[in-house]
Amino acid sequence: MDDTEERGAGREWVLHELTVGRDPEELLAQLTAAGWPQDDAAEMVEEARRATRHLRGVITRQDVVRGVDARYRRTMSRSPFLACFGIVGVAIHSCRSLLGYLIIRKPRPIESPSEKEA
């Protein structure tokens, strides 16, 4: 017996009901009361629940990993440029630090108290 059409209609109905805000447990009970086997009804509800995650604001680990992986790949593709310009930045910072140290270390003439009052 081929029940592909009935399963498709059942899946669409469950998907629609979840999008309007019905509870998955309630839908499972309604499907089993309508004569669907417990396993088939649970499978349809679970598929629809997974398909409507984005509508309910659910963020899965897979969504987070996908975003992190994309940022990692984008960063790693830019790392040669960052390394080259980073070395230049370190060299400039080192020169500025050395110049600042030499300016501070340079001896200054000592002022006499009479020069301060004048």
N, C-alpha and C. Protein backbone atom coordinates (compact mmCIF):
# COMPACT_ATOMS: atom_id res chain seq x y z
N MET A 1 0.84 -1.18 0.00
CA MET A 1 0.00 0.00 0.00
C MET A 1 0.89 1.24 0.00
N ASP A 2 0.65 2.14 -0.93
CA ASP A 2 1.44 3.36 -1.07
C ASP A 2 0.68 4.52 -0.44
N ASP A 3 1.23 5.03 0.66
CA ASP A 3 0.59 6.14 1.36
C ASP A 3 1.43 7.42 1.28
N THR A 4 2.14 7.58 0.16
CA THR A 4 3.01 8.74 -0.01
C THR A 4 2.21 10.04 -0.01
N GLU A 5 1.08 10.04 -0.69
CA GLU A 5 0.26 11.26 -0.76
C GLU A 5 -0.29 11.62 0.62
N GLU A 6 -0.76 10.61 1.35
CA GLU A 6 -1.29 10.88 2.69
C GLU A 6 -0.20 11.40 3.62
N ARG A 7 1.00 10.81 3.53
CA ARG A 7 2.11 11.27 4.35
C ARG A 7 2.48 12.72 4.00
N GLY A 8 2.52 13.02 2.70
CA GLY A 8 2.82 14.39 2.27
C GLY A 8 1.80 15.38 2.80
N ALA A 9 0.53 15.01 2.70
CA ALA A 9 -0.53 15.89 3.21
C ALA A 9 -0.42 16.03 4.73
N GLY A 10 -0.11 14.94 5.40
CA GLY A 10 0.05 14.98 6.86
C GLY A 10 1.22 15.87 7.27
N ARG A 11 2.33 15.75 6.53
CA ARG A 11 3.50 16.58 6.83
C ARG A 11 3.19 18.06 6.61
N GLU A 12 2.51 18.36 5.52
CA GLU A 12 2.15 19.76 5.25
C GLU A 12 1.24 20.31 6.33
N TRP A 13 0.27 19.48 6.77
CA TRP A 13 -0.65 19.92 7.81
C TRP A 13 0.09 20.20 9.12
N VAL A 14 1.00 19.28 9.49
CA VAL A 14 1.77 19.46 10.73
C VAL A 14 2.65 20.70 10.62
N LEU A 15 3.28 20.89 9.48
CA LEU A 15 4.12 22.07 9.27
C LEU A 15 3.30 23.35 9.40
N HIS A 16 2.13 23.37 8.78
CA HIS A 16 1.27 24.54 8.87
C HIS A 16 0.84 24.80 10.31
N GLU A 17 0.45 23.77 11.01
CA GLU A 17 -0.02 23.93 12.38
C GLU A 17 1.10 24.43 13.30
N LEU A 18 2.32 23.97 13.07
CA LEU A 18 3.44 24.46 13.89
C LEU A 18 3.75 25.92 13.58
N THR A 19 3.57 26.32 12.33
CA THR A 19 3.86 27.72 11.98
C THR A 19 2.84 28.67 12.59
N VAL A 20 1.62 28.19 12.84
CA VAL A 20 0.63 29.06 13.47
C VAL A 20 0.71 29.00 14.99
N GLY A 21 1.63 28.18 15.53
CA GLY A 21 1.88 28.22 16.97
C GLY A 21 1.34 27.06 17.78
N ARG A 22 0.90 25.99 17.16
CA ARG A 22 0.40 24.85 17.93
C ARG A 22 1.55 24.09 18.57
N ASP A 23 1.26 23.39 19.61
CA ASP A 23 2.24 22.63 20.38
C ASP A 23 2.52 21.29 19.69
N PRO A 24 3.82 20.88 19.57
CA PRO A 24 4.13 19.61 18.91
C PRO A 24 3.49 18.39 19.60
N GLU A 25 3.44 18.40 20.92
CA GLU A 25 2.83 17.27 21.63
C GLU A 25 1.34 17.15 21.33
N GLU A 26 0.70 18.29 21.21
CA GLU A 26 -0.73 18.31 20.88
C GLU A 26 -0.96 17.75 19.47
N LEU A 27 -0.09 18.12 18.55
CA LEU A 27 -0.21 17.61 17.18
C LEU A 27 0.04 16.11 17.13
N LEU A 28 1.01 15.64 17.90
CA LEU A 28 1.30 14.22 17.95
C LEU A 28 0.09 13.45 18.46
N ALA A 29 -0.53 13.95 19.50
CA ALA A 29 -1.73 13.29 20.04
C ALA A 29 -2.86 13.30 19.02
N GLN A 30 -3.01 14.39 18.30
CA GLN A 30 -4.08 14.49 17.31
C GLN A 30 -3.84 13.54 16.14
N LEU A 31 -2.57 13.41 15.73
CA LEU A 31 -2.26 12.48 14.62
C LEU A 31 -2.51 11.03 15.03
N THR A 32 -2.10 10.66 16.23
CA THR A 32 -2.32 9.28 16.67
C THR A 32 -3.81 9.00 16.87
N ALA A 33 -4.57 10.01 17.29
CA ALA A 33 -6.01 9.84 17.43
C ALA A 33 -6.68 9.69 16.06
N ALA A 34 -6.06 10.28 15.03
CA ALA A 34 -6.62 10.18 13.68
C ALA A 34 -6.25 8.87 13.00
N GLY A 35 -5.46 8.01 13.67
CA GLY A 35 -5.16 6.70 13.12
C GLY A 35 -3.74 6.52 12.61
N TRP A 36 -2.89 7.53 12.74
CA TRP A 36 -1.50 7.37 12.31
C TRP A 36 -0.75 6.54 13.35
N PRO A 37 0.15 5.65 12.91
CA PRO A 37 0.97 4.91 13.87
C PRO A 37 1.85 5.89 14.68
N GLN A 38 2.14 5.54 15.92
CA GLN A 38 2.88 6.42 16.82
C GLN A 38 4.23 6.82 16.22
N ASP A 39 4.96 5.89 15.63
CA ASP A 39 6.29 6.19 15.07
C ASP A 39 6.19 7.15 13.88
N ASP A 40 5.23 6.90 13.00
CA ASP A 40 5.07 7.77 11.83
C ASP A 40 4.65 9.18 12.25
N ALA A 41 3.74 9.26 13.19
CA ALA A 41 3.29 10.57 13.65
C ALA A 41 4.44 11.32 14.33
N ALA A 42 5.20 10.61 15.15
CA ALA A 42 6.34 11.25 15.82
C ALA A 42 7.37 11.73 14.81
N GLU A 43 7.59 10.95 13.76
CA GLU A 43 8.55 11.34 12.72
C GLU A 43 8.09 12.60 11.99
N MET A 44 6.80 12.66 11.64
CA MET A 44 6.28 13.83 10.94
C MET A 44 6.37 15.08 11.81
N VAL A 45 6.03 14.95 13.08
CA VAL A 45 6.08 16.10 13.98
C VAL A 45 7.52 16.56 14.17
N GLU A 46 8.43 15.62 14.31
CA GLU A 46 9.85 15.98 14.50
C GLU A 46 10.42 16.68 13.27
N GLU A 47 10.10 16.18 12.09
CA GLU A 47 10.56 16.83 10.85
C GLU A 47 10.02 18.26 10.76
N ALA A 48 8.76 18.43 11.06
CA ALA A 48 8.16 19.77 10.99
C ALA A 48 8.74 20.68 12.07
N ARG A 49 9.00 20.11 13.25
CA ARG A 49 9.58 20.91 14.33
C ARG A 49 10.96 21.41 13.94
N ARG A 50 11.75 20.55 13.32
CA ARG A 50 13.09 20.96 12.87
C ARG A 50 13.01 21.99 11.75
N ALA A 51 12.02 21.85 10.89
CA ALA A 51 11.88 22.78 9.76
C ALA A 51 11.41 24.16 10.20
N THR A 52 10.77 24.25 11.37
CA THR A 52 10.25 25.55 11.82
C THR A 52 11.09 26.17 12.93
N ARG A 53 12.27 25.69 13.14
CA ARG A 53 13.13 26.24 14.20
C ARG A 53 13.36 27.74 14.02
N HIS A 54 13.64 28.14 12.80
CA HIS A 54 13.94 29.55 12.54
C HIS A 54 12.74 30.45 12.84
N LEU A 55 11.54 29.92 12.68
CA LEU A 55 10.34 30.72 12.97
C LEU A 55 10.14 30.91 14.47
N ARG A 56 10.63 29.95 15.25
CA ARG A 56 10.48 30.02 16.71
C ARG A 56 11.68 30.66 17.38
N GLY A 57 12.67 31.11 16.60
CA GLY A 57 13.83 31.78 17.17
C GLY A 57 14.86 30.85 17.79
N VAL A 58 14.83 29.60 17.41
CA VAL A 58 15.77 28.62 17.96
C VAL A 58 17.08 28.72 17.20
N ILE A 59 18.17 28.78 17.95
CA ILE A 59 19.51 28.78 17.35
C ILE A 59 20.18 27.47 17.74
N THR A 60 20.55 26.70 16.76
CA THR A 60 21.16 25.40 17.03
C THR A 60 22.67 25.53 17.05
N ARG A 61 23.30 24.52 17.58
CA ARG A 61 24.76 24.47 17.61
C ARG A 61 25.30 24.51 16.18
N GLN A 62 24.60 23.86 15.28
CA GLN A 62 25.03 23.84 13.88
C GLN A 62 25.00 25.24 13.27
N ASP A 63 24.03 26.06 13.61
CA ASP A 63 23.96 27.44 13.12
C ASP A 63 25.15 28.24 13.63
N VAL A 64 25.47 28.07 14.90
CA VAL A 64 26.59 28.80 15.49
C VAL A 64 27.90 28.37 14.85
N VAL A 65 28.08 27.06 14.69
CA VAL A 65 29.32 26.55 14.10
C VAL A 65 29.46 27.02 12.66
N ARG A 66 28.37 27.08 11.93
CA ARG A 66 28.42 27.55 10.54
C ARG A 66 28.93 28.99 10.48
N GLY A 67 28.44 29.85 11.37
CA GLY A 67 28.90 31.23 11.39
C GLY A 67 30.34 31.37 11.83
N VAL A 68 30.73 30.61 12.84
CA VAL A 68 32.11 30.66 13.32
C VAL A 68 33.06 30.15 12.24
N ASP A 69 32.68 29.08 11.57
CA ASP A 69 33.53 28.52 10.53
C ASP A 69 33.71 29.51 9.38
N ALA A 70 32.65 30.21 9.01
CA ALA A 70 32.75 31.20 7.93
C ALA A 70 33.70 32.33 8.32
N ARG A 71 33.59 32.81 9.57
CA ARG A 71 34.49 33.89 10.01
C ARG A 71 35.94 33.39 10.08
N TYR A 72 36.13 32.15 10.52
CA TYR A 72 37.48 31.59 10.60
C TYR A 72 38.10 31.50 9.21
N ARG A 73 37.35 31.00 8.25
CA ARG A 73 37.88 30.88 6.89
C ARG A 73 38.18 32.26 6.29
N ARG A 74 37.32 33.23 6.55
CA ARG A 74 37.54 34.58 6.04
C ARG A 74 38.80 35.19 6.67
N THR A 75 38.98 34.97 7.96
CA THR A 75 40.15 35.50 8.65
C THR A 75 41.43 34.84 8.17
N MET A 76 41.39 33.53 8.01
CA MET A 76 42.59 32.82 7.58
C MET A 76 42.99 33.20 6.15
N SER A 77 42.03 33.56 5.32
CA SER A 77 42.39 33.98 3.97
C SER A 77 43.05 35.36 3.98
N ARG A 78 42.80 36.14 5.02
CA ARG A 78 43.40 37.47 5.13
C ARG A 78 44.69 37.47 5.95
N SER A 79 45.03 36.36 6.56
CA SER A 79 46.17 36.35 7.49
C SER A 79 47.51 36.71 6.85
N PRO A 80 47.79 36.36 5.59
CA PRO A 80 49.08 36.81 5.03
C PRO A 80 49.19 38.34 4.98
N PHE A 81 48.08 39.02 4.65
CA PHE A 81 48.09 40.47 4.61
C PHE A 81 48.27 41.04 6.02
N LEU A 82 47.58 40.45 6.98
CA LEU A 82 47.69 40.90 8.35
C LEU A 82 49.11 40.72 8.88
N ALA A 83 49.73 39.63 8.49
CA ALA A 83 51.10 39.37 8.95
C ALA A 83 52.07 40.40 8.37
N CYS A 84 51.94 40.69 7.10
CA CYS A 84 52.85 41.67 6.47
C CYS A 84 52.68 43.06 7.08
N PHE A 85 51.42 43.51 7.17
CA PHE A 85 51.19 44.84 7.71
C PHE A 85 51.40 44.86 9.23
N GLY A 86 51.24 43.72 9.87
CA GLY A 86 51.49 43.64 11.30
C GLY A 86 52.96 43.83 11.61
N ILE A 87 53.82 43.25 10.79
CA ILE A 87 55.26 43.41 10.99
C ILE A 87 55.64 44.88 10.82
N VAL A 88 55.07 45.54 9.84
CA VAL A 88 55.34 46.96 9.63
C VAL A 88 54.86 47.76 10.85
N GLY A 89 53.70 47.43 11.35
CA GLY A 89 53.16 48.11 12.52
C GLY A 89 54.04 47.92 13.75
N VAL A 90 54.53 46.71 13.94
CA VAL A 90 55.43 46.45 15.08
C VAL A 90 56.72 47.25 14.92
N ALA A 91 57.26 47.31 13.72
CA ALA A 91 58.49 48.06 13.48
C ALA A 91 58.27 49.56 13.77
N ILE A 92 57.16 50.10 13.31
CA ILE A 92 56.87 51.52 13.55
C ILE A 92 56.71 51.77 15.05
N HIS A 93 55.99 50.91 15.72
CA HIS A 93 55.79 51.07 17.17
C HIS A 93 57.12 50.97 17.91
N SER A 94 57.98 50.06 17.50
CA SER A 94 59.29 49.93 18.15
C SER A 94 60.13 51.18 17.95
N CYS A 95 60.11 51.75 16.75
CA CYS A 95 60.86 52.98 16.49
C CYS A 95 60.33 54.13 17.33
N ARG A 96 59.02 54.26 17.44
CA ARG A 96 58.43 55.32 18.25
C ARG A 96 58.80 55.15 19.72
N SER A 97 58.79 53.90 20.20
CA SER A 97 59.15 53.65 21.59
C SER A 97 60.61 54.00 21.84
N LEU A 98 61.49 53.61 20.92
CA LEU A 98 62.91 53.91 21.07
C LEU A 98 63.14 55.42 21.03
N LEU A 99 62.47 56.13 20.13
CA LEU A 99 62.59 57.58 20.05
C LEU A 99 62.12 58.24 21.35
N GLY A 100 61.00 57.77 21.87
CA GLY A 100 60.49 58.30 23.14
C GLY A 100 61.46 58.05 24.28
N TYR A 101 62.07 56.88 24.31
CA TYR A 101 63.05 56.57 25.36
C TYR A 101 64.26 57.48 25.25
N LEU A 102 64.73 57.70 24.04
CA LEU A 102 65.90 58.56 23.85
C LEU A 102 65.61 60.01 24.23
N ILE A 103 64.40 60.46 23.96
CA ILE A 103 64.02 61.83 24.33
C ILE A 103 63.97 61.97 25.85
N ILE A 104 63.42 60.99 26.52
CA ILE A 104 63.34 61.04 27.98
C ILE A 104 64.74 60.95 28.60
N ARG A 105 65.59 60.16 28.03
CA ARG A 105 66.92 59.92 28.57
C ARG A 105 67.87 61.08 28.34
N LYS A 106 67.57 61.92 27.36
CA LYS A 106 68.44 63.05 27.01
C LYS A 106 68.59 63.97 28.23
N PRO A 107 69.82 64.28 28.63
CA PRO A 107 69.99 65.14 29.82
C PRO A 107 69.52 66.56 29.54
N ARG A 108 68.86 67.14 30.53
CA ARG A 108 68.36 68.49 30.41
C ARG A 108 69.19 69.39 31.33
N PRO A 109 69.35 70.61 30.96
CA PRO A 109 70.13 71.51 31.82
C PRO A 109 69.38 71.76 33.14
N ILE A 110 70.12 71.83 34.20
CA ILE A 110 69.54 72.08 35.51
C ILE A 110 69.35 73.57 35.67
N GLU A 111 68.18 73.97 36.06
CA GLU A 111 67.88 75.37 36.24
C GLU A 111 68.22 75.77 37.69
N SER A 112 68.79 76.95 37.82
CA SER A 112 69.09 77.44 39.17
C SER A 112 67.83 78.05 39.75
N PRO A 113 67.73 78.14 41.08
CA PRO A 113 66.52 78.71 41.69
C PRO A 113 66.27 80.14 41.26
N SER A 114 67.32 80.91 40.99
CA SER A 114 67.12 82.30 40.60
C SER A 114 66.49 82.39 39.20
N GLU A 115 66.80 81.43 38.33
CA GLU A 115 66.21 81.43 36.99
C GLU A 115 64.72 81.09 37.04
N LYS A 116 64.32 80.23 38.03
CA LYS A 116 62.92 79.86 38.15
C LYS A 116 62.07 81.06 38.57
N GLU A 117 62.63 81.92 39.44
CA GLU A 117 61.86 83.05 39.94
C GLU A 117 61.70 84.12 38.86
N ALA A 118 62.58 84.18 37.93
CA ALA A 118 62.57 85.24 36.96
C ALA A 118 61.58 85.03 35.87
